Structures are given as structure tokens and as C-alpha cells.
Amino acid sequence: MQTILGAGGVIGEELSRELPDHTDRIRQVSRTPRRVNRSDELMAADLLDPVATARAVEGSEVAYLTAGLPYDAEIWERDWPRIMDNVMEACRRHSARLVFLDNVYAYGRVRGPMTEETPFNPCSRKGEVRARIATTLLEAMAAGELEAMIVRAADFYGPGAESSVTHHTVFQRIQDGKPPRWLGNPKAAHSFSFTPDVARSLALLGNRPQAYGRSWHALTDGEQMSGIRFVETACEAARVPYELQVPPGWLLWAMGLFNPVLKENREMMYQFNHNYHFDSSTTQQALGVDPTPYQKGIARTVGATPRSAQSVFLPRRVRE
């Protein structure tokens, strides 16, 4: 049995498509789980409930923690430590191996490539939370309390990644016949992890006993992709003329007064104003697998993005 805790999100669904190569018993766990594969077992559970979490993990050989929370620092500070404690205790009790999908917020601003050896130096409230829960898990791993690993990914892009920044600012706008936008410095390099590659990394690493006891970076194309180049590639794939709008910082700040998502994103803008280079070469070498090139991943994402009734992420009149 391999269990996905926080099933239903884009990574949970992609992981569900990868795991049949490794097991014929997959359990989907969320508040409202649904099948991806015909044989999936469904279990409703709230990971904030320790009893429900323990029941969800019982009988599992591997548990993948891919859950997400609303993009709100206050909610993260309140709920993420509880979720991590509940999942760790459940895995201890039932001798399940744990694979935790993390992001790079704990690293803070990094000058140079981010690797698995990059120290935690958070510069945001959300980064502080991520550093705290990752440290809790790493300390338990070092003490031999449970078998676990951390798999980190860069910002997501890919089919179905509708909560990602690039979905709202690039892919959805192209499909709606509107010019793409970029937040921050479009000339800065910014790595993005293709969601199918993230899921493939989780499945491959989670089924390698020798991979436990450390942190890994999910497979991610190493090309130094700027915002300009990302949008150019998306426009080429969609066969539309290149155009790019870059809202000024003052407007994003002002809109944050009325838009909770933009307000919460203020503290993370360092990731888009400065170079952000995510290095997954260690994972590539260990697995003998290459990540999907940006050109192919962006083309797949463009092709999978449906039109919407309207796009209201930012006012169209702002142009560069």
C-alpha cells in the first residue's frame, strides 16, 4: 500500500498516475478523495486530526505528504506544524516510510544555485514555517525515529497547475487571447519544476530504499530560463505573437490591499526580482533520468490549458 496524503491536488493526481508502475495498491487521502486509477482506495481524513491521520496511514508501506494549505502565512504558522507532527507520529506508529514534498522557501534568497546542501536562511514568514517543519522532520530522521526523505521542487508549472503564478499570468492569458504578464524582473533567471517531473521524482525516489534519510531536489530543467524567455517559448508554442506586460511594483503593492493572494505574495517577490536557480543534477545522476526540457513542458501546458470566461488577475491596461 502506498498512500497519498493530500490527494486531489495537481501533484497528487500526477503521482497517482506514476505509482501503478510500482504498486497495485494506492490509497487516496483527503477531505473529499476521488479515484484517479480504477483500483484506488479512498479514505476521507483531515490531516489536522491526529486520529484520522493515523487511520489514513495504517497499513501503508510508503506515505507521500503532498498536502497544500491556503496561501496565507497565518494559516501556515497555525496548521503546518500540526500536520507535520500528526503525519510523523502516524508513520512512526505504523512503520511507514514518509516522503515529504517541500518547496524552497526555507532557503530564502540564494545567490547562486540552490542544491540539497543549501542551508536554511528564510527571509519570509512562510519560509520560517517551512524551515521549522523541515527541521523537525530532519531531526527525527537523524535520530532514527522514522524512515523519511524530503523532496523539494521549484515553483510549479504544468497541465492542471491552476494555482501556479504562471497559470494565471501566462498560460491562461494566452488561451484567453490576452497578452501574458510577468511579476517582478522579467530578465532574472527563474527555475520552474514541471509537475509531471515532480510526481515522477516522488515515485522513483519513494520506491528506492537507499534514497531515504536525506533531502532531494525534484527533476527540473537546468536551463537558465528568464521570464522573457519563458513567455517567448509559451507564445511560440501557442503560435501567437510575443507580447509581455510587466506591472510596476507599486501597482502590485496597491492591488494587494484588495487582493489577498497578491498581498500574501509580497514577501515572496524576492524570488522574482532576483535570479532563482534550482539545481537537480544530484537527483538526475542518482536516478539516471533527465527532466523534461522547458520547450516540451511549456508546449504541453499550453495545449492543456482551456479558455476561461475571463481573466481578472491584473488590469490589462498596465503595459511595459
C-alpha atoms as a PDB file:
ATOM      1  CA  MET A   1       0.000   0.000   0.000  1.00  0.00           C
ATOM      2  CA  GLN A   2       1.270   3.466  -0.944  1.00  0.00           C
ATOM      3  CA  THR A   3      -0.754   6.369   0.401  1.00  0.00           C
ATOM      4  CA  ILE A   4      -1.066   9.928  -0.879  1.00  0.00           C
ATOM      5  CA  LEU A   5      -1.814  12.343   1.967  1.00  0.00           C
ATOM      6  CA  GLY A   6      -3.353  15.451   0.485  1.00  0.00           C
ATOM      7  CA  ALA A   7      -4.616  13.749  -2.662  1.00  0.00           C
ATOM      8  CA  GLY A   8      -6.597  15.701  -5.225  1.00  0.00           C
ATOM      9  CA  GLY A   9      -4.088  18.441  -5.997  1.00  0.00           C
ATOM     10  CA  VAL A  10      -2.115  18.558  -9.218  1.00  0.00           C
ATOM     11  CA  ILE A  11       0.888  16.708  -7.744  1.00  0.00           C
ATOM     12  CA  GLY A  12      -1.313  14.114  -6.032  1.00  0.00           C
ATOM     13  CA  GLU A  13      -3.043  13.373  -9.332  1.00  0.00           C
ATOM     14  CA  GLU A  14       0.205  13.165 -11.293  1.00  0.00           C
ATOM     15  CA  LEU A  15       1.707  10.945  -8.587  1.00  0.00           C
ATOM     16  CA  SER A  16      -1.344   8.673  -8.813  1.00  0.00           C
ATOM     17  CA  ARG A  17      -0.521   8.120 -12.483  1.00  0.00           C
ATOM     18  CA  GLU A  18       3.107   7.271 -11.687  1.00  0.00           C
ATOM     19  CA  LEU A  19       2.602   4.870  -8.784  1.00  0.00           C
ATOM     20  CA  PRO A  20       0.967   1.985 -10.728  1.00  0.00           C
ATOM     21  CA  ASP A  21       4.464   1.296 -12.092  1.00  0.00           C
ATOM     22  CA  HIS A  22       5.464   0.449  -8.507  1.00  0.00           C
ATOM     23  CA  THR A  23       2.362  -0.870  -6.732  1.00  0.00           C
ATOM     24  CA  ASP A  24      -1.187  -2.029  -7.390  1.00  0.00           C
ATOM     25  CA  ARG A  25      -2.450  -0.644  -4.070  1.00  0.00           C
ATOM     26  CA  ILE A  26      -2.858   3.149  -3.880  1.00  0.00           C
ATOM     27  CA  ARG A  27      -4.813   4.949  -1.182  1.00  0.00           C
ATOM     28  CA  GLN A  28      -6.110   8.469  -1.832  1.00  0.00           C
ATOM     29  CA  VAL A  29      -6.472  10.529   1.358  1.00  0.00           C
ATOM     30  CA  SER A  30      -8.056  13.975   1.574  1.00  0.00           C
ATOM     31  CA  ARG A  31     -11.201  15.551   2.941  1.00  0.00           C
ATOM     32  CA  THR A  32     -13.004  14.598  -0.298  1.00  0.00           C
ATOM     33  CA  PRO A  33     -10.877  11.971  -2.076  1.00  0.00           C
ATOM     34  CA  ARG A  34     -11.604  10.678  -5.564  1.00  0.00           C
ATOM     35  CA  ARG A  35     -10.170   7.951  -7.754  1.00  0.00           C
ATOM     36  CA  VAL A  36      -7.539   8.559 -10.400  1.00  0.00           C
ATOM     37  CA  ASN A  37      -6.994   4.860 -11.078  1.00  0.00           C
ATOM     38  CA  ARG A  38      -9.904   2.422 -11.050  1.00  0.00           C
ATOM     39  CA  SER A  39      -8.446   0.368  -8.180  1.00  0.00           C
ATOM     40  CA  ASP A  40      -7.634   3.322  -5.885  1.00  0.00           C
ATOM     41  CA  GLU A  41      -8.769   3.052  -2.282  1.00  0.00           C
ATOM     42  CA  LEU A  42     -10.448   6.202  -0.945  1.00  0.00           C
ATOM     43  CA  MET A  43     -10.260   7.452   2.621  1.00  0.00           C
ATOM     44  CA  ALA A  44     -11.622  10.763   3.860  1.00  0.00           C
ATOM     45  CA  ALA A  45      -9.434  12.339   6.536  1.00  0.00           C
ATOM     46  CA  ASP A  46      -8.415  15.731   7.892  1.00  0.00           C
ATOM     47  CA  LEU A  47      -4.643  15.798   8.472  1.00  0.00           C
ATOM     48  CA  LEU A  48      -5.197  18.256  11.330  1.00  0.00           C
ATOM     49  CA  ASP A  49      -6.868  15.363  13.195  1.00  0.00           C
ATOM     50  CA  PRO A  50      -4.207  13.011  14.648  1.00  0.00           C
ATOM     51  CA  VAL A  51      -6.609  10.071  14.951  1.00  0.00           C
ATOM     52  CA  ALA A  52      -7.807  10.400  11.367  1.00  0.00           C
ATOM     53  CA  THR A  53      -4.227  10.800  10.141  1.00  0.00           C
ATOM     54  CA  ALA A  54      -3.101   7.649  11.950  1.00  0.00           C
ATOM     55  CA  ARG A  55      -6.004   5.714  10.462  1.00  0.00           C
ATOM     56  CA  ALA A  56      -5.132   7.006   6.986  1.00  0.00           C
ATOM     57  CA  VAL A  57      -1.513   5.829   7.255  1.00  0.00           C
ATOM     58  CA  GLU A  58      -2.268   2.437   8.829  1.00  0.00           C
ATOM     59  CA  GLY A  59      -1.239  -0.419   6.555  1.00  0.00           C
ATOM     60  CA  SER A  60       0.903   1.786   4.304  1.00  0.00           C
ATOM     61  CA  GLU A  61       4.438   0.964   3.292  1.00  0.00           C
ATOM     62  CA  VAL A  62       5.026   4.488   1.972  1.00  0.00           C
ATOM     63  CA  ALA A  63       3.124   7.704   2.693  1.00  0.00           C
ATOM     64  CA  TYR A  64       3.561  10.752   0.437  1.00  0.00           C
ATOM     65  CA  LEU A  65       2.763  14.093   2.081  1.00  0.00           C
ATOM     66  CA  THR A  66       1.720  16.337  -0.817  1.00  0.00           C
ATOM     67  CA  ALA A  67      -0.905  18.403   1.017  1.00  0.00           C
ATOM     68  CA  GLY A  68      -1.314  22.117   0.455  1.00  0.00           C
ATOM     69  CA  LEU A  69      -2.821  24.871   2.573  1.00  0.00           C
ATOM     70  CA  PRO A  70      -4.380  28.220   1.612  1.00  0.00           C
ATOM     71  CA  TYR A  71      -1.673  30.726   0.688  1.00  0.00           C
ATOM     72  CA  ASP A  72      -1.830  32.573   3.990  1.00  0.00           C
ATOM     73  CA  ALA A  73       1.120  32.925   6.377  1.00  0.00           C
ATOM     74  CA  GLU A  74      -1.119  32.930   9.453  1.00  0.00           C
ATOM     75  CA  ILE A  75      -2.750  29.648   8.402  1.00  0.00           C
ATOM     76  CA  TRP A  76       0.646  28.142   7.624  1.00  0.00           C
ATOM     77  CA  GLU A  77       2.012  29.112  11.062  1.00  0.00           C
ATOM     78  CA  ARG A  78      -1.001  27.582  12.767  1.00  0.00           C
ATOM     79  CA  ASP A  79      -1.573  24.418  10.744  1.00  0.00           C
ATOM     80  CA  TRP A  80       1.642  23.193   9.113  1.00  0.00           C
ATOM     81  CA  PRO A  81       3.406  22.196  12.377  1.00  0.00           C
ATOM     82  CA  ARG A  82       0.282  20.278  13.445  1.00  0.00           C
ATOM     83  CA  ILE A  83       0.070  18.454  10.129  1.00  0.00           C
ATOM     84  CA  MET A  84       3.744  17.515  10.218  1.00  0.00           C
ATOM     85  CA  ASP A  85       3.518  16.286  13.818  1.00  0.00           C
ATOM     86  CA  ASN A  86       0.417  14.210  13.024  1.00  0.00           C
ATOM     87  CA  VAL A  87       1.914  12.634   9.900  1.00  0.00           C
ATOM     88  CA  MET A  88       5.235  11.864  11.575  1.00  0.00           C
ATOM     89  CA  GLU A  89       3.511  10.243  14.546  1.00  0.00           C
ATOM     90  CA  ALA A  90       1.290   8.190  12.233  1.00  0.00           C
ATOM     91  CA  CYS A  91       4.310   6.975  10.258  1.00  0.00           C
ATOM     92  CA  ARG A  92       6.165   6.080  13.467  1.00  0.00           C
ATOM     93  CA  ARG A  93       3.194   4.152  14.830  1.00  0.00           C
ATOM     94  CA  HIS A  94       2.592   2.173  11.665  1.00  0.00           C
ATOM     95  CA  SER A  95       6.235   1.846  10.494  1.00  0.00           C
ATOM     96  CA  ALA A  96       5.533   3.635   7.220  1.00  0.00           C
ATOM     97  CA  ARG A  97       8.217   5.422   5.248  1.00  0.00           C
ATOM     98  CA  LEU A  98       7.484   9.126   4.683  1.00  0.00           C
ATOM     99  CA  VAL A  99       8.139  11.181   1.536  1.00  0.00           C
ATOM    100  CA  PHE A 100       7.535  14.896   2.144  1.00  0.00           C
ATOM    101  CA  LEU A 101       7.098  17.230  -0.830  1.00  0.00           C
ATOM    102  CA  ASP A 102       8.569  20.615   0.111  1.00  0.00           C
ATOM    103  CA  ASN A 103       9.358  23.897  -1.631  1.00  0.00           C
ATOM    104  CA  VAL A 104      12.425  26.172  -1.485  1.00  0.00           C
ATOM    105  CA  TYR A 105      11.060  28.880   0.826  1.00  0.00           C
ATOM    106  CA  ALA A 106      13.299  27.767   3.712  1.00  0.00           C
ATOM    107  CA  TYR A 107      16.393  28.639   1.649  1.00  0.00           C
ATOM    108  CA  GLY A 108      15.470  32.322   1.430  1.00  0.00           C
ATOM    109  CA  ARG A 109      17.260  34.359  -1.221  1.00  0.00           C
ATOM    110  CA  VAL A 110      20.178  32.326  -2.588  1.00  0.00           C
ATOM    111  CA  ARG A 111      22.999  33.839  -4.619  1.00  0.00           C
ATOM    112  CA  GLY A 112      23.957  31.001  -6.940  1.00  0.00           C
ATOM    113  CA  PRO A 113      22.457  27.552  -7.454  1.00  0.00           C
ATOM    114  CA  MET A 114      20.155  26.026  -4.846  1.00  0.00           C
ATOM    115  CA  THR A 115      21.300  22.485  -4.053  1.00  0.00           C
ATOM    116  CA  GLU A 116      20.371  19.905  -1.440  1.00  0.00           C
ATOM    117  CA  GLU A 117      23.225  21.295   0.674  1.00  0.00           C
ATOM    118  CA  THR A 118      21.956  24.892   0.665  1.00  0.00           C
ATOM    119  CA  PRO A 119      21.439  25.977   4.316  1.00  0.00           C
ATOM    120  CA  PHE A 120      18.135  27.265   5.605  1.00  0.00           C
ATOM    121  CA  ASN A 121      18.090  31.055   5.702  1.00  0.00           C
ATOM    122  CA  PRO A 122      14.430  32.071   5.371  1.00  0.00           C
ATOM    123  CA  CYS A 123      13.528  35.701   4.732  1.00  0.00           C
ATOM    124  CA  SER A 124       9.731  35.385   4.870  1.00  0.00           C
ATOM    125  CA  ARG A 125       7.079  34.193   7.298  1.00  0.00           C
ATOM    126  CA  LYS A 126       6.202  31.307   5.010  1.00  0.00           C
ATOM    127  CA  GLY A 127       9.874  30.433   4.730  1.00  0.00           C
ATOM    128  CA  GLU A 128      10.172  30.370   8.520  1.00  0.00           C
ATOM    129  CA  VAL A 129       7.313  27.870   8.676  1.00  0.00           C
ATOM    130  CA  ARG A 130       8.875  25.666   6.026  1.00  0.00           C
ATOM    131  CA  ALA A 131      12.258  25.742   7.770  1.00  0.00           C
ATOM    132  CA  ARG A 132      10.599  24.819  11.056  1.00  0.00           C
ATOM    133  CA  ILE A 133       8.695  21.781   9.801  1.00  0.00           C
ATOM    134  CA  ALA A 134      11.596  20.564   7.636  1.00  0.00           C
ATOM    135  CA  THR A 135      13.958  20.826  10.600  1.00  0.00           C
ATOM    136  CA  THR A 136      11.516  18.856  12.743  1.00  0.00           C
ATOM    137  CA  LEU A 137      11.484  16.061  10.182  1.00  0.00           C
ATOM    138  CA  LEU A 138      15.247  16.115   9.606  1.00  0.00           C
ATOM    139  CA  GLU A 139      15.913  15.847  13.330  1.00  0.00           C
ATOM    140  CA  ALA A 140      13.586  12.858  13.621  1.00  0.00           C
ATOM    141  CA  MET A 141      15.304  11.224  10.645  1.00  0.00           C
ATOM    142  CA  ALA A 142      18.734  11.807  12.197  1.00  0.00           C
ATOM    143  CA  ALA A 143      17.542  10.304  15.496  1.00  0.00           C
ATOM    144  CA  GLY A 144      16.358   7.172  13.708  1.00  0.00           C
ATOM    145  CA  GLU A 145      12.743   7.738  14.707  1.00  0.00           C
ATOM    146  CA  LEU A 146      11.411   7.070  11.201  1.00  0.00           C
ATOM    147  CA  GLU A 147      12.492   6.473   7.618  1.00  0.00           C
ATOM    148  CA  ALA A 148      11.802   9.583   5.596  1.00  0.00           C
ATOM    149  CA  MET A 149      13.034  11.912   2.900  1.00  0.00           C
ATOM    150  CA  ILE A 150      12.340  15.451   1.749  1.00  0.00           C
ATOM    151  CA  VAL A 151      11.852  16.119  -1.970  1.00  0.00           C
ATOM    152  CA  ARG A 152      11.932  19.809  -2.862  1.00  0.00           C
ATOM    153  CA  ALA A 153      10.624  21.393  -6.028  1.00  0.00           C
ATOM    154  CA  ALA A 154      10.887  24.843  -7.555  1.00  0.00           C
ATOM    155  CA  ASP A 155       7.761  26.826  -8.478  1.00  0.00           C
ATOM    156  CA  PHE A 156       5.352  24.637 -10.422  1.00  0.00           C
ATOM    157  CA  TYR A 157       4.165  24.823 -13.991  1.00  0.00           C
ATOM    158  CA  GLY A 158       2.347  22.159 -15.953  1.00  0.00           C
ATOM    159  CA  PRO A 159      -1.051  20.830 -17.068  1.00  0.00           C
ATOM    160  CA  GLY A 160      -3.623  21.389 -14.346  1.00  0.00           C
ATOM    161  CA  ALA A 161      -1.348  23.556 -12.156  1.00  0.00           C
ATOM    162  CA  GLU A 162      -4.093  26.159 -11.837  1.00  0.00           C
ATOM    163  CA  SER A 163      -2.822  27.616  -8.559  1.00  0.00           C
ATOM    164  CA  SER A 164       0.595  28.441 -10.031  1.00  0.00           C
ATOM    165  CA  VAL A 165       1.605  32.001 -10.846  1.00  0.00           C
ATOM    166  CA  THR A 166       2.430  31.104 -14.439  1.00  0.00           C
ATOM    167  CA  HIS A 167      -1.038  29.644 -14.992  1.00  0.00           C
ATOM    168  CA  HIS A 168      -2.675  32.992 -14.168  1.00  0.00           C
ATOM    169  CA  THR A 169      -0.114  35.300 -15.722  1.00  0.00           C
ATOM    170  CA  VAL A 170       0.998  33.355 -18.800  1.00  0.00           C
ATOM    171  CA  PHE A 171      -0.901  30.249 -19.889  1.00  0.00           C
ATOM    172  CA  GLN A 172      -4.458  31.305 -19.072  1.00  0.00           C
ATOM    173  CA  ARG A 173      -3.995  34.740 -20.581  1.00  0.00           C
ATOM    174  CA  ILE A 174      -2.597  33.311 -23.819  1.00  0.00           C
ATOM    175  CA  GLN A 175      -5.566  30.972 -24.141  1.00  0.00           C
ATOM    176  CA  ASP A 176      -7.937  33.860 -23.462  1.00  0.00           C
ATOM    177  CA  GLY A 177      -6.352  35.924 -26.237  1.00  0.00           C
ATOM    178  CA  LYS A 178      -4.696  38.358 -23.824  1.00  0.00           C
ATOM    179  CA  PRO A 179      -1.036  39.383 -23.511  1.00  0.00           C
ATOM    180  CA  PRO A 180       0.975  37.404 -20.932  1.00  0.00           C
ATOM    181  CA  ARG A 181       2.235  39.161 -17.812  1.00  0.00           C
ATOM    182  CA  TRP A 182       5.226  38.682 -15.539  1.00  0.00           C
ATOM    183  CA  LEU A 183       5.610  39.580 -11.874  1.00  0.00           C
ATOM    184  CA  GLY A 184       8.973  41.039 -10.910  1.00  0.00           C
ATOM    185  CA  ASN A 185      12.077  41.319 -13.087  1.00  0.00           C
ATOM    186  CA  PRO A 186      11.465  39.513 -16.413  1.00  0.00           C
ATOM    187  CA  LYS A 187      15.203  39.449 -17.138  1.00  0.00           C
ATOM    188  CA  ALA A 188      16.039  37.497 -13.957  1.00  0.00           C
ATOM    189  CA  ALA A 189      16.518  33.746 -14.229  1.00  0.00           C
ATOM    190  CA  HIS A 190      13.799  31.656 -12.586  1.00  0.00           C
ATOM    191  CA  SER A 191      13.614  27.853 -12.419  1.00  0.00           C
ATOM    192  CA  PHE A 192      10.272  26.071 -12.694  1.00  0.00           C
ATOM    193  CA  SER A 193       9.531  22.409 -11.982  1.00  0.00           C
ATOM    194  CA  PHE A 194       7.234  20.629 -14.458  1.00  0.00           C
ATOM    195  CA  THR A 195       4.505  18.940 -12.401  1.00  0.00           C
ATOM    196  CA  PRO A 196       4.757  15.517 -14.117  1.00  0.00           C
ATOM    197  CA  ASP A 197       8.506  15.566 -13.360  1.00  0.00           C
ATOM    198  CA  VAL A 198       7.826  16.349  -9.696  1.00  0.00           C
ATOM    199  CA  ALA A 199       5.480  13.372  -9.465  1.00  0.00           C
ATOM    200  CA  ARG A 200       7.944  11.124 -11.268  1.00  0.00           C
ATOM    201  CA  SER A 201      10.672  12.179  -8.826  1.00  0.00           C
ATOM    202  CA  LEU A 202       8.454  11.347  -5.829  1.00  0.00           C
ATOM    203  CA  ALA A 203       7.513   7.925  -7.188  1.00  0.00           C
ATOM    204  CA  LEU A 204      11.043   6.930  -8.206  1.00  0.00           C
ATOM    205  CA  LEU A 205      12.700   8.156  -5.012  1.00  0.00           C
ATOM    206  CA  GLY A 206       9.931   6.846  -2.767  1.00  0.00           C
ATOM    207  CA  ASN A 207      10.450   3.359  -4.143  1.00  0.00           C
ATOM    208  CA  ARG A 208      14.233   3.358  -3.664  1.00  0.00           C
ATOM    209  CA  PRO A 209      15.056   2.254  -0.097  1.00  0.00           C
ATOM    210  CA  GLN A 210      18.558   3.715  -0.408  1.00  0.00           C
ATOM    211  CA  ALA A 211      17.108   7.179  -1.107  1.00  0.00           C
ATOM    212  CA  TYR A 212      15.728   7.619   2.412  1.00  0.00           C
ATOM    213  CA  GLY A 213      17.446   9.592   5.144  1.00  0.00           C
ATOM    214  CA  ARG A 214      18.205  12.757   3.163  1.00  0.00           C
ATOM    215  CA  SER A 215      16.820  15.582   1.005  1.00  0.00           C
ATOM    216  CA  TRP A 216      16.493  15.588  -2.772  1.00  0.00           C
ATOM    217  CA  HIS A 217      15.617  18.095  -5.480  1.00  0.00           C
ATOM    218  CA  ALA A 218      12.849  17.098  -7.891  1.00  0.00           C
ATOM    219  CA  LEU A 219      13.822  16.744 -11.538  1.00  0.00           C
ATOM    220  CA  THR A 220      13.923  20.253 -13.034  1.00  0.00           C
ATOM    221  CA  ASP A 221      15.382  21.542 -16.291  1.00  0.00           C
ATOM    222  CA  GLY A 222      18.641  23.317 -15.537  1.00  0.00           C
ATOM    223  CA  GLU A 223      18.347  25.917 -18.321  1.00  0.00           C
ATOM    224  CA  GLN A 224      18.642  29.482 -17.048  1.00  0.00           C
ATOM    225  CA  MET A 225      15.111  30.488 -18.053  1.00  0.00           C
ATOM    226  CA  SER A 226      14.274  34.176 -17.738  1.00  0.00           C
ATOM    227  CA  GLY A 227      10.722  35.471 -17.586  1.00  0.00           C
ATOM    228  CA  ILE A 228      11.144  36.894 -21.082  1.00  0.00           C
ATOM    229  CA  ARG A 229      12.315  33.558 -22.468  1.00  0.00           C
ATOM    230  CA  PHE A 230       9.544  31.661 -20.642  1.00  0.00           C
ATOM    231  CA  VAL A 231       6.875  33.880 -22.199  1.00  0.00           C
ATOM    232  CA  GLU A 232       8.547  33.764 -25.629  1.00  0.00           C
ATOM    233  CA  THR A 233       8.511  29.967 -25.503  1.00  0.00           C
ATOM    234  CA  ALA A 234       4.849  29.898 -24.461  1.00  0.00           C
ATOM    235  CA  CYS A 235       3.885  32.296 -27.270  1.00  0.00           C
ATOM    236  CA  GLU A 236       5.815  30.206 -29.797  1.00  0.00           C
ATOM    237  CA  ALA A 237       4.023  27.052 -28.619  1.00  0.00           C
ATOM    238  CA  ALA A 238       0.642  28.767 -28.881  1.00  0.00           C
ATOM    239  CA  ARG A 239       1.549  30.302 -32.257  1.00  0.00           C
ATOM    240  CA  VAL A 240       0.705  33.818 -31.140  1.00  0.00           C
ATOM    241  CA  PRO A 241       2.823  36.973 -31.396  1.00  0.00           C
ATOM    242  CA  TYR A 242       5.132  37.636 -28.471  1.00  0.00           C
ATOM    243  CA  GLU A 243       3.938  40.331 -26.082  1.00  0.00           C
ATOM    244  CA  LEU A 244       4.727  40.878 -22.421  1.00  0.00           C
ATOM    245  CA  GLN A 245       3.239  43.152 -19.765  1.00  0.00           C
ATOM    246  CA  VAL A 246       5.141  43.821 -16.541  1.00  0.00           C
ATOM    247  CA  PRO A 247       3.108  45.604 -13.837  1.00  0.00           C
ATOM    248  CA  PRO A 248       5.204  48.021 -11.743  1.00  0.00           C
ATOM    249  CA  GLY A 249       5.866  47.126  -8.147  1.00  0.00           C
ATOM    250  CA  TRP A 250       3.791  49.980  -6.764  1.00  0.00           C
ATOM    251  CA  LEU A 251       0.706  48.667  -8.547  1.00  0.00           C
ATOM    252  CA  LEU A 252       1.186  45.143  -7.187  1.00  0.00           C
ATOM    253  CA  TRP A 253       1.528  46.619  -3.698  1.00  0.00           C
ATOM    254  CA  ALA A 254      -1.631  48.689  -4.129  1.00  0.00           C
ATOM    255  CA  MET A 255      -3.598  45.752  -5.503  1.00  0.00           C
ATOM    256  CA  GLY A 256      -2.518  43.710  -2.501  1.00  0.00           C
ATOM    257  CA  LEU A 257      -4.728  45.973  -0.403  1.00  0.00           C
ATOM    258  CA  PHE A 258      -7.729  44.376  -2.135  1.00  0.00           C
ATOM    259  CA  ASN A 259      -6.405  41.023  -3.393  1.00  0.00           C
ATOM    260  CA  PRO A 260      -5.395  38.553  -0.616  1.00  0.00           C
ATOM    261  CA  VAL A 261      -3.260  36.417  -2.958  1.00  0.00           C
ATOM    262  CA  LEU A 262      -1.216  39.407  -4.131  1.00  0.00           C
ATOM    263  CA  LYS A 263      -0.884  40.617  -0.549  1.00  0.00           C
ATOM    264  CA  GLU A 264       0.471  37.234   0.556  1.00  0.00           C
ATOM    265  CA  ASN A 265       2.861  37.192  -2.395  1.00  0.00           C
ATOM    266  CA  ARG A 266       4.593  40.448  -1.397  1.00  0.00           C
ATOM    267  CA  GLU A 267       7.076  38.758   0.910  1.00  0.00           C
ATOM    268  CA  MET A 268       7.973  36.244  -1.819  1.00  0.00           C
ATOM    269  CA  MET A 269       8.743  38.777  -4.551  1.00  0.00           C
ATOM    270  CA  TYR A 270      12.479  38.381  -3.936  1.00  0.00           C
ATOM    271  CA  GLN A 271      12.123  35.128  -5.872  1.00  0.00           C
ATOM    272  CA  PHE A 272      11.011  37.021  -8.979  1.00  0.00           C
ATOM    273  CA  ASN A 273      13.182  40.110  -8.602  1.00  0.00           C
ATOM    274  CA  HIS A 274      16.466  38.183  -8.348  1.00  0.00           C
ATOM    275  CA  ASN A 275      17.978  35.118 -10.012  1.00  0.00           C
ATOM    276  CA  TYR A 276      16.443  31.850  -8.795  1.00  0.00           C
ATOM    277  CA  HIS A 277      18.458  28.818  -9.921  1.00  0.00           C
ATOM    278  CA  PHE A 278      17.266  25.382  -8.770  1.00  0.00           C
ATOM    279  CA  ASP A 279      19.771  22.537  -9.321  1.00  0.00           C
ATOM    280  CA  SER A 280      18.502  18.944  -9.551  1.00  0.00           C
ATOM    281  CA  SER A 281      21.661  17.408 -11.019  1.00  0.00           C
ATOM    282  CA  THR A 282      22.208  15.144  -7.986  1.00  0.00           C
ATOM    283  CA  THR A 283      18.783  13.558  -8.464  1.00  0.00           C
ATOM    284  CA  GLN A 284      19.310  13.241 -12.209  1.00  0.00           C
ATOM    285  CA  GLN A 285      22.563  11.369 -11.640  1.00  0.00           C
ATOM    286  CA  ALA A 286      21.125   9.128  -8.925  1.00  0.00           C
ATOM    287  CA  LEU A 287      18.061   8.153 -10.940  1.00  0.00           C
ATOM    288  CA  GLY A 288      19.620   8.221 -14.397  1.00  0.00           C
ATOM    289  CA  VAL A 289      16.643  10.282 -15.571  1.00  0.00           C
ATOM    290  CA  ASP A 290      16.588  13.666 -17.293  1.00  0.00           C
ATOM    291  CA  PRO A 291      13.932  16.334 -16.634  1.00  0.00           C
ATOM    292  CA  THR A 292      11.508  17.470 -19.291  1.00  0.00           C
ATOM    293  CA  PRO A 293      13.012  20.374 -21.300  1.00  0.00           C
ATOM    294  CA  TYR A 294      11.192  23.676 -20.888  1.00  0.00           C
ATOM    295  CA  GLN A 295      10.247  23.823 -24.567  1.00  0.00           C
ATOM    296  CA  LYS A 296       8.424  20.473 -24.358  1.00  0.00           C
ATOM    297  CA  GLY A 297       6.865  21.126 -20.932  1.00  0.00           C
ATOM    298  CA  ILE A 298       5.631  24.592 -21.863  1.00  0.00           C
ATOM    299  CA  ALA A 299       4.134  23.275 -25.106  1.00  0.00           C
ATOM    300  CA  ARG A 300       2.262  20.546 -23.193  1.00  0.00           C
ATOM    301  CA  THR A 301       0.986  23.109 -20.707  1.00  0.00           C
ATOM    302  CA  VAL A 302      -0.211  25.478 -23.412  1.00  0.00           C
ATOM    303  CA  GLY A 303      -2.053  22.622 -25.109  1.00  0.00           C
ATOM    304  CA  ALA A 304      -3.722  21.529 -21.867  1.00  0.00           C
ATOM    305  CA  THR A 305      -4.889  24.970 -20.707  1.00  0.00           C
ATOM    306  CA  PRO A 306      -8.571  25.623 -21.527  1.00  0.00           C
ATOM    307  CA  ARG A 307     -10.044  29.026 -22.195  1.00  0.00           C
ATOM    308  CA  SER A 308     -11.816  30.765 -19.334  1.00  0.00           C
ATOM    309  CA  ALA A 309     -14.729  33.162 -19.290  1.00  0.00           C
ATOM    310  CA  GLN A 310     -12.468  35.971 -18.176  1.00  0.00           C
ATOM    311  CA  SER A 311      -9.006  36.687 -16.778  1.00  0.00           C
ATOM    312  CA  VAL A 312      -9.000  39.144 -13.890  1.00  0.00           C
ATOM    313  CA  PHE A 313      -5.617  38.550 -12.272  1.00  0.00           C
ATOM    314  CA  LEU A 314      -4.371  42.083 -13.075  1.00  0.00           C
ATOM    315  CA  PRO A 315      -5.777  45.034 -15.041  1.00  0.00           C
ATOM    316  CA  ARG A 316      -4.932  44.843 -18.739  1.00  0.00           C
ATOM    317  CA  ARG A 317      -4.064  48.496 -19.124  1.00  0.00           C
ATOM    318  CA  VAL A 318      -0.700  48.022 -17.400  1.00  0.00           C
ATOM    319  CA  ARG A 319       1.961  47.534 -20.075  1.00  0.00           C
ATOM    320  CA  GLU A 320       5.692  47.673 -20.481  1.00  0.00           C
END
